[in-house]
Amino acid sequence: QSLTALTVMGGGGGARATNAKTLDLTELRQISEQVTQGSEMYSVVCRLGLVQLQKKGELQPLTYIACQEIREGRGLPCNRRVDSSGFCPACNRVGKSSARFNVRCRFGDAKDNAWLTTFHEAAERVLGMKAEEAQSIEQGEGGREALEAAVIAKYFDQPLQLTVRAKYETYNGEARTNVSCVDNRPVTFGQHGRAMLKEVLDHMGAQSRKQL
């Protein structure tokens, strides 16, 4: 392994990452496939490389309008997609609603890259804008082109510490592991640099021990 290929997993994570297993993207890909029940949380340091802006030649919506009525017994917003009239099929009525992100992001580190579904709160931090702002840009004079330019400006912008959830679930009768980004925080360059130096020194120490 060359020194330039090292991936740093340290520094600057949010509360969600506290008990998460620290991995690089190659390890995340391998380990997440082994989740066969429940869910596991992982922490990965990487950068945003790409956002899926098209799918099968058609523009991919980055936001949707979600119901914000509080669900009985849960105390949390419904968050189901509403139709053009604002009607929520889960709540069976028209109520409060707001824009939310649901984007597919490709993150990369020194070893690998991975596409992850990135939900609202995490997407707002990755893209550096609120979902309402994204809708306003797209509906403004610059249209979709202006929104895409704002998104592309965030590519490789800064290292991020992602909290990734691998959840074993059944979808349309098929068992699968759903891997998604549920949280992220920027990694400060000072913390990132110190963690890189520590990994380089650890790597050099391991190589020296092998030669003894």
C-alpha atoms as a PDB file:
ATOM      1  CA  GLN A   1       0.000   0.000   0.000  1.00  0.00           C
ATOM      2  CA  SER A   2       1.447   3.388  -0.958  1.00  0.00           C
ATOM      3  CA  LEU A   3       1.374   6.309   1.442  1.00  0.00           C
ATOM      4  CA  THR A   4      -0.651   8.362  -1.034  1.00  0.00           C
ATOM      5  CA  ALA A   5      -3.459   5.803  -0.946  1.00  0.00           C
ATOM      6  CA  LEU A   6      -4.134   6.104   2.767  1.00  0.00           C
ATOM      7  CA  THR A   7      -7.645   7.023   3.831  1.00  0.00           C
ATOM      8  CA  VAL A   8      -8.170   8.864   7.090  1.00  0.00           C
ATOM      9  CA  MET A   9     -11.084   8.031   9.315  1.00  0.00           C
ATOM     10  CA  GLY A  10     -10.515  10.545  12.117  1.00  0.00           C
ATOM     11  CA  GLY A  11     -11.805  13.918  13.181  1.00  0.00           C
ATOM     12  CA  GLY A  12     -14.846  16.082  13.458  1.00  0.00           C
ATOM     13  CA  GLY A  13     -17.869  13.761  13.533  1.00  0.00           C
ATOM     14  CA  GLY A  14     -21.310  14.518  14.876  1.00  0.00           C
ATOM     15  CA  ALA A  15     -23.145  12.799  17.694  1.00  0.00           C
ATOM     16  CA  ARG A  16     -24.553  10.129  15.391  1.00  0.00           C
ATOM     17  CA  ALA A  17     -21.019   8.958  14.605  1.00  0.00           C
ATOM     18  CA  THR A  18     -19.975   8.479  18.249  1.00  0.00           C
ATOM     19  CA  ASN A  19     -20.617   4.723  18.388  1.00  0.00           C
ATOM     20  CA  ALA A  20     -20.300   4.025  14.672  1.00  0.00           C
ATOM     21  CA  LYS A  21     -17.633   1.674  13.355  1.00  0.00           C
ATOM     22  CA  THR A  22     -14.906   3.584  11.492  1.00  0.00           C
ATOM     23  CA  LEU A  23     -14.283   2.302   7.959  1.00  0.00           C
ATOM     24  CA  ASP A  24     -13.134   3.372   4.517  1.00  0.00           C
ATOM     25  CA  LEU A  25     -15.471   2.982   1.530  1.00  0.00           C
ATOM     26  CA  THR A  26     -13.989  -0.354   0.441  1.00  0.00           C
ATOM     27  CA  GLU A  27     -14.551  -1.783   3.921  1.00  0.00           C
ATOM     28  CA  LEU A  28     -18.029  -0.250   4.024  1.00  0.00           C
ATOM     29  CA  ARG A  29     -18.953  -2.006   0.789  1.00  0.00           C
ATOM     30  CA  GLN A  30     -17.700  -5.369   2.080  1.00  0.00           C
ATOM     31  CA  ILE A  31     -19.103  -5.200   5.612  1.00  0.00           C
ATOM     32  CA  SER A  32     -22.513  -3.746   4.720  1.00  0.00           C
ATOM     33  CA  GLU A  33     -23.165  -6.776   2.501  1.00  0.00           C
ATOM     34  CA  GLN A  34     -22.812  -8.976   5.589  1.00  0.00           C
ATOM     35  CA  VAL A  35     -25.635  -7.272   7.516  1.00  0.00           C
ATOM     36  CA  THR A  36     -28.415  -9.868   7.707  1.00  0.00           C
ATOM     37  CA  GLN A  37     -30.647  -8.408  10.415  1.00  0.00           C
ATOM     38  CA  GLY A  38     -31.415  -5.047  11.996  1.00  0.00           C
ATOM     39  CA  SER A  39     -29.111  -2.178  11.144  1.00  0.00           C
ATOM     40  CA  GLU A  40     -25.501  -1.141  11.654  1.00  0.00           C
ATOM     41  CA  MET A  41     -23.965   2.337  11.785  1.00  0.00           C
ATOM     42  CA  TYR A  42     -20.613   3.234  10.238  1.00  0.00           C
ATOM     43  CA  SER A  43     -18.427   6.323  10.026  1.00  0.00           C
ATOM     44  CA  VAL A  44     -16.554   7.207   6.819  1.00  0.00           C
ATOM     45  CA  VAL A  45     -14.420  10.210   5.863  1.00  0.00           C
ATOM     46  CA  CYS A  46     -14.707  11.070   2.166  1.00  0.00           C
ATOM     47  CA  ARG A  47     -15.722  13.818  -0.255  1.00  0.00           C
ATOM     48  CA  LEU A  48     -18.798  14.414  -2.394  1.00  0.00           C
ATOM     49  CA  GLY A  49     -17.890  13.478  -5.973  1.00  0.00           C
ATOM     50  CA  LEU A  50     -21.181  13.461  -7.850  1.00  0.00           C
ATOM     51  CA  VAL A  51     -24.941  13.901  -7.446  1.00  0.00           C
ATOM     52  CA  GLN A  52     -27.340  11.961  -9.660  1.00  0.00           C
ATOM     53  CA  LEU A  53     -28.926  14.716 -11.743  1.00  0.00           C
ATOM     54  CA  GLN A  54     -30.392  12.452 -14.431  1.00  0.00           C
ATOM     55  CA  LYS A  55     -31.842   8.964 -14.536  1.00  0.00           C
ATOM     56  CA  LYS A  56     -32.348   7.079 -17.795  1.00  0.00           C
ATOM     57  CA  GLY A  57     -31.879  10.305 -19.741  1.00  0.00           C
ATOM     58  CA  GLU A  58     -34.481  12.260 -17.762  1.00  0.00           C
ATOM     59  CA  LEU A  59     -33.953  14.931 -15.112  1.00  0.00           C
ATOM     60  CA  GLN A  60     -33.873  13.477 -11.612  1.00  0.00           C
ATOM     61  CA  PRO A  61     -35.849  15.550  -9.069  1.00  0.00           C
ATOM     62  CA  LEU A  62     -33.713  16.511  -6.083  1.00  0.00           C
ATOM     63  CA  THR A  63     -36.561  17.620  -3.836  1.00  0.00           C
ATOM     64  CA  TYR A  64     -40.139  16.635  -3.122  1.00  0.00           C
ATOM     65  CA  ILE A  65     -43.014  18.071  -1.099  1.00  0.00           C
ATOM     66  CA  ALA A  66     -43.576  16.123   2.116  1.00  0.00           C
ATOM     67  CA  CYS A  67     -46.380  16.114   4.649  1.00  0.00           C
ATOM     68  CA  GLN A  68     -45.348  17.715   7.938  1.00  0.00           C
ATOM     69  CA  GLU A  69     -48.357  16.764  10.022  1.00  0.00           C
ATOM     70  CA  ILE A  70     -47.453  15.020  13.279  1.00  0.00           C
ATOM     71  CA  ARG A  71     -48.347  11.340  13.243  1.00  0.00           C
ATOM     72  CA  GLU A  72     -50.484  10.180  16.166  1.00  0.00           C
ATOM     73  CA  GLY A  73     -48.610   8.047  18.664  1.00  0.00           C
ATOM     74  CA  ARG A  74     -45.213   8.839  17.136  1.00  0.00           C
ATOM     75  CA  GLY A  75     -44.721  12.543  17.768  1.00  0.00           C
ATOM     76  CA  LEU A  76     -42.806  12.856  14.475  1.00  0.00           C
ATOM     77  CA  PRO A  77     -43.722  14.452  11.134  1.00  0.00           C
ATOM     78  CA  CYS A  78     -45.328  12.144   8.582  1.00  0.00           C
ATOM     79  CA  ASN A  79     -42.823  13.017   5.790  1.00  0.00           C
ATOM     80  CA  ARG A  80     -44.831  11.103   3.167  1.00  0.00           C
ATOM     81  CA  ARG A  81     -44.888  12.594  -0.327  1.00  0.00           C
ATOM     82  CA  VAL A  82     -48.010  14.666  -1.033  1.00  0.00           C
ATOM     83  CA  ASP A  83     -49.688  15.154  -4.416  1.00  0.00           C
ATOM     84  CA  SER A  84     -49.924  18.424  -6.357  1.00  0.00           C
ATOM     85  CA  SER A  85     -52.910  19.522  -4.256  1.00  0.00           C
ATOM     86  CA  GLY A  86     -51.050  18.898  -0.980  1.00  0.00           C
ATOM     87  CA  PHE A  87     -53.073  15.781  -0.145  1.00  0.00           C
ATOM     88  CA  CYS A  88     -51.252  13.161   1.943  1.00  0.00           C
ATOM     89  CA  PRO A  89     -52.420   9.560   1.355  1.00  0.00           C
ATOM     90  CA  ALA A  90     -51.059   8.441   4.737  1.00  0.00           C
ATOM     91  CA  CYS A  91     -52.884  11.141   6.740  1.00  0.00           C
ATOM     92  CA  ASN A  92     -55.839  11.160   4.316  1.00  0.00           C
ATOM     93  CA  ARG A  93     -56.037  14.956   4.260  1.00  0.00           C
ATOM     94  CA  VAL A  94     -54.427  18.179   3.129  1.00  0.00           C
ATOM     95  CA  GLY A  95     -52.206  19.639   5.832  1.00  0.00           C
ATOM     96  CA  LYS A  96     -48.871  21.290   6.470  1.00  0.00           C
ATOM     97  CA  SER A  97     -46.114  20.426   4.042  1.00  0.00           C
ATOM     98  CA  SER A  98     -42.575  21.484   3.128  1.00  0.00           C
ATOM     99  CA  ALA A  99     -39.802  20.739   0.647  1.00  0.00           C
ATOM    100  CA  ARG A 100     -37.373  17.942   1.454  1.00  0.00           C
ATOM    101  CA  PHE A 101     -34.274  16.575  -0.241  1.00  0.00           C
ATOM    102  CA  ASN A 102     -33.900  12.980  -1.387  1.00  0.00           C
ATOM    103  CA  VAL A 103     -30.748  12.672  -3.485  1.00  0.00           C
ATOM    104  CA  ARG A 104     -28.313  10.012  -4.637  1.00  0.00           C
ATOM    105  CA  CYS A 105     -24.720  11.067  -3.984  1.00  0.00           C
ATOM    106  CA  ARG A 106     -21.486   9.432  -5.012  1.00  0.00           C
ATOM    107  CA  PHE A 107     -18.848   9.823  -2.320  1.00  0.00           C
ATOM    108  CA  GLY A 108     -15.194   9.006  -2.827  1.00  0.00           C
ATOM    109  CA  ASP A 109     -12.057   8.435  -0.801  1.00  0.00           C
ATOM    110  CA  ALA A 110      -8.530   7.425  -1.793  1.00  0.00           C
ATOM    111  CA  LYS A 111      -9.532   3.796  -2.325  1.00  0.00           C
ATOM    112  CA  ASP A 112     -13.080   3.618  -3.631  1.00  0.00           C
ATOM    113  CA  ASN A 113     -16.360   5.411  -4.276  1.00  0.00           C
ATOM    114  CA  ALA A 114     -19.953   4.555  -3.432  1.00  0.00           C
ATOM    115  CA  TRP A 115     -23.441   5.758  -4.330  1.00  0.00           C
ATOM    116  CA  LEU A 116     -25.509   6.462  -1.218  1.00  0.00           C
ATOM    117  CA  THR A 117     -29.083   7.639  -0.865  1.00  0.00           C
ATOM    118  CA  THR A 118     -28.751  10.849   1.139  1.00  0.00           C
ATOM    119  CA  PHE A 119     -31.846  12.024   2.988  1.00  0.00           C
ATOM    120  CA  HIS A 120     -32.993  15.489   3.913  1.00  0.00           C
ATOM    121  CA  GLU A 121     -30.883  16.720   6.848  1.00  0.00           C
ATOM    122  CA  ALA A 122     -27.697  15.071   5.587  1.00  0.00           C
ATOM    123  CA  ALA A 123     -28.332  16.321   2.028  1.00  0.00           C
ATOM    124  CA  GLU A 124     -28.795  19.908   3.241  1.00  0.00           C
ATOM    125  CA  ARG A 125     -25.334  19.811   4.837  1.00  0.00           C
ATOM    126  CA  VAL A 126     -23.684  18.068   1.875  1.00  0.00           C
ATOM    127  CA  LEU A 127     -25.133  20.549  -0.643  1.00  0.00           C
ATOM    128  CA  GLY A 128     -24.852  23.593   1.610  1.00  0.00           C
ATOM    129  CA  MET A 129     -28.430  24.721   1.048  1.00  0.00           C
ATOM    130  CA  LYS A 130     -31.950  24.189   2.336  1.00  0.00           C
ATOM    131  CA  ALA A 131     -34.443  22.243   0.244  1.00  0.00           C
ATOM    132  CA  GLU A 132     -36.572  25.403  -0.019  1.00  0.00           C
ATOM    133  CA  GLU A 133     -33.545  27.256  -1.432  1.00  0.00           C
ATOM    134  CA  ALA A 134     -33.012  24.536  -4.026  1.00  0.00           C
ATOM    135  CA  GLN A 135     -36.646  24.779  -5.124  1.00  0.00           C
ATOM    136  CA  SER A 136     -36.419  28.581  -5.264  1.00  0.00           C
ATOM    137  CA  ILE A 137     -33.291  28.412  -7.448  1.00  0.00           C
ATOM    138  CA  GLU A 138     -34.888  25.880  -9.798  1.00  0.00           C
ATOM    139  CA  GLN A 139     -38.069  27.929 -10.097  1.00  0.00           C
ATOM    140  CA  GLY A 140     -36.110  31.164 -10.606  1.00  0.00           C
ATOM    141  CA  GLU A 141     -34.719  32.817 -13.704  1.00  0.00           C
ATOM    142  CA  GLY A 142     -31.779  30.401 -14.023  1.00  0.00           C
ATOM    143  CA  GLY A 143     -34.005  27.348 -13.780  1.00  0.00           C
ATOM    144  CA  ARG A 144     -32.659  23.818 -13.493  1.00  0.00           C
ATOM    145  CA  GLU A 145     -29.299  24.871 -14.961  1.00  0.00           C
ATOM    146  CA  ALA A 146     -28.703  27.264 -12.046  1.00  0.00           C
ATOM    147  CA  LEU A 147     -29.598  24.572  -9.513  1.00  0.00           C
ATOM    148  CA  GLU A 148     -27.234  22.074 -11.122  1.00  0.00           C
ATOM    149  CA  ALA A 149     -24.446  24.669 -11.127  1.00  0.00           C
ATOM    150  CA  ALA A 150     -24.944  25.239  -7.388  1.00  0.00           C
ATOM    151  CA  VAL A 151     -24.815  21.485  -6.753  1.00  0.00           C
ATOM    152  CA  ILE A 152     -21.747  20.892  -8.924  1.00  0.00           C
ATOM    153  CA  ALA A 153     -19.922  23.683  -7.068  1.00  0.00           C
ATOM    154  CA  LYS A 154     -19.960  21.416  -3.990  1.00  0.00           C
ATOM    155  CA  TYR A 155     -18.102  18.534  -5.677  1.00  0.00           C
ATOM    156  CA  PHE A 156     -14.830  17.750  -3.836  1.00  0.00           C
ATOM    157  CA  ASP A 157     -15.406  20.880  -1.758  1.00  0.00           C
ATOM    158  CA  GLN A 158     -14.244  19.577   1.618  1.00  0.00           C
ATOM    159  CA  PRO A 159     -13.724  16.306   3.505  1.00  0.00           C
ATOM    160  CA  LEU A 160     -16.869  15.089   5.245  1.00  0.00           C
ATOM    161  CA  GLN A 161     -17.412  12.579   7.995  1.00  0.00           C
ATOM    162  CA  LEU A 162     -20.483  10.591   7.033  1.00  0.00           C
ATOM    163  CA  THR A 163     -22.617   8.500   9.322  1.00  0.00           C
ATOM    164  CA  VAL A 164     -23.874   5.642   7.162  1.00  0.00           C
ATOM    165  CA  ARG A 165     -26.632   3.191   8.058  1.00  0.00           C
ATOM    166  CA  ALA A 166     -26.753  -0.302   6.593  1.00  0.00           C
ATOM    167  CA  LYS A 167     -30.248  -1.673   7.211  1.00  0.00           C
ATOM    168  CA  TYR A 168     -31.461  -5.143   6.314  1.00  0.00           C
ATOM    169  CA  GLU A 169     -35.002  -4.921   4.979  1.00  0.00           C
ATOM    170  CA  THR A 170     -37.523  -6.469   2.615  1.00  0.00           C
ATOM    171  CA  TYR A 171     -38.677  -4.472  -0.412  1.00  0.00           C
ATOM    172  CA  ASN A 172     -41.289  -5.855  -2.846  1.00  0.00           C
ATOM    173  CA  GLY A 173     -40.734  -9.302  -1.341  1.00  0.00           C
ATOM    174  CA  GLU A 174     -36.972  -9.174  -1.870  1.00  0.00           C
ATOM    175  CA  ALA A 175     -34.523  -9.103   1.033  1.00  0.00           C
ATOM    176  CA  ARG A 176     -31.727  -6.567   0.648  1.00  0.00           C
ATOM    177  CA  THR A 177     -29.364  -4.299   2.572  1.00  0.00           C
ATOM    178  CA  ASN A 178     -30.210  -0.624   2.156  1.00  0.00           C
ATOM    179  CA  VAL A 179     -27.153   1.598   2.693  1.00  0.00           C
ATOM    180  CA  SER A 180     -27.791   5.322   3.154  1.00  0.00           C
ATOM    181  CA  CYS A 181     -26.141   8.471   4.497  1.00  0.00           C
ATOM    182  CA  VAL A 182     -28.085   9.641   7.550  1.00  0.00           C
ATOM    183  CA  ASP A 183     -25.750  12.345   8.870  1.00  0.00           C
ATOM    184  CA  ASN A 184     -22.547  14.180   8.057  1.00  0.00           C
ATOM    185  CA  ARG A 185     -20.240  16.823   9.432  1.00  0.00           C
ATOM    186  CA  PRO A 186     -17.350  18.742   7.869  1.00  0.00           C
ATOM    187  CA  VAL A 187     -13.893  17.559   8.891  1.00  0.00           C
ATOM    188  CA  THR A 188     -11.644  20.438   9.893  1.00  0.00           C
ATOM    189  CA  PHE A 189      -8.328  20.536   8.049  1.00  0.00           C
ATOM    190  CA  GLY A 190      -6.369  20.617  11.310  1.00  0.00           C
ATOM    191  CA  GLN A 191      -8.044  17.468  12.626  1.00  0.00           C
ATOM    192  CA  HIS A 192      -7.839  15.820   9.221  1.00  0.00           C
ATOM    193  CA  GLY A 193      -4.123  16.620   8.916  1.00  0.00           C
ATOM    194  CA  ARG A 194      -3.287  15.280  12.383  1.00  0.00           C
ATOM    195  CA  ALA A 195      -5.222  12.090  11.690  1.00  0.00           C
ATOM    196  CA  MET A 196      -3.424  11.671   8.338  1.00  0.00           C
ATOM    197  CA  LEU A 197      -0.044  12.119  10.018  1.00  0.00           C
ATOM    198  CA  LYS A 198      -0.919   9.552  12.690  1.00  0.00           C
ATOM    199  CA  GLU A 199      -1.972   7.008  10.053  1.00  0.00           C
ATOM    200  CA  VAL A 200       1.226   7.599   8.046  1.00  0.00           C
ATOM    201  CA  LEU A 201       3.349   7.074  11.178  1.00  0.00           C
ATOM    202  CA  ASP A 202       1.360   3.966  12.136  1.00  0.00           C
ATOM    203  CA  HIS A 203       1.808   2.602   8.607  1.00  0.00           C
ATOM    204  CA  MET A 204       5.549   3.282   8.664  1.00  0.00           C
ATOM    205  CA  GLY A 205       5.810   1.611  12.079  1.00  0.00           C
ATOM    206  CA  ALA A 206       3.973  -1.466  10.800  1.00  0.00           C
ATOM    207  CA  GLN A 207       6.286  -1.669   7.796  1.00  0.00           C
ATOM    208  CA  SER A 208       9.351  -1.383  10.051  1.00  0.00           C
ATOM    209  CA  ARG A 209       8.125  -4.195  12.290  1.00  0.00           C
ATOM    210  CA  LYS A 210       7.621  -6.454   9.255  1.00  0.00           C
ATOM    211  CA  GLN A 211      11.255  -5.931   8.260  1.00  0.00           C
ATOM    212  CA  LEU A 212      12.611  -6.941  11.673  1.00  0.00           C
END
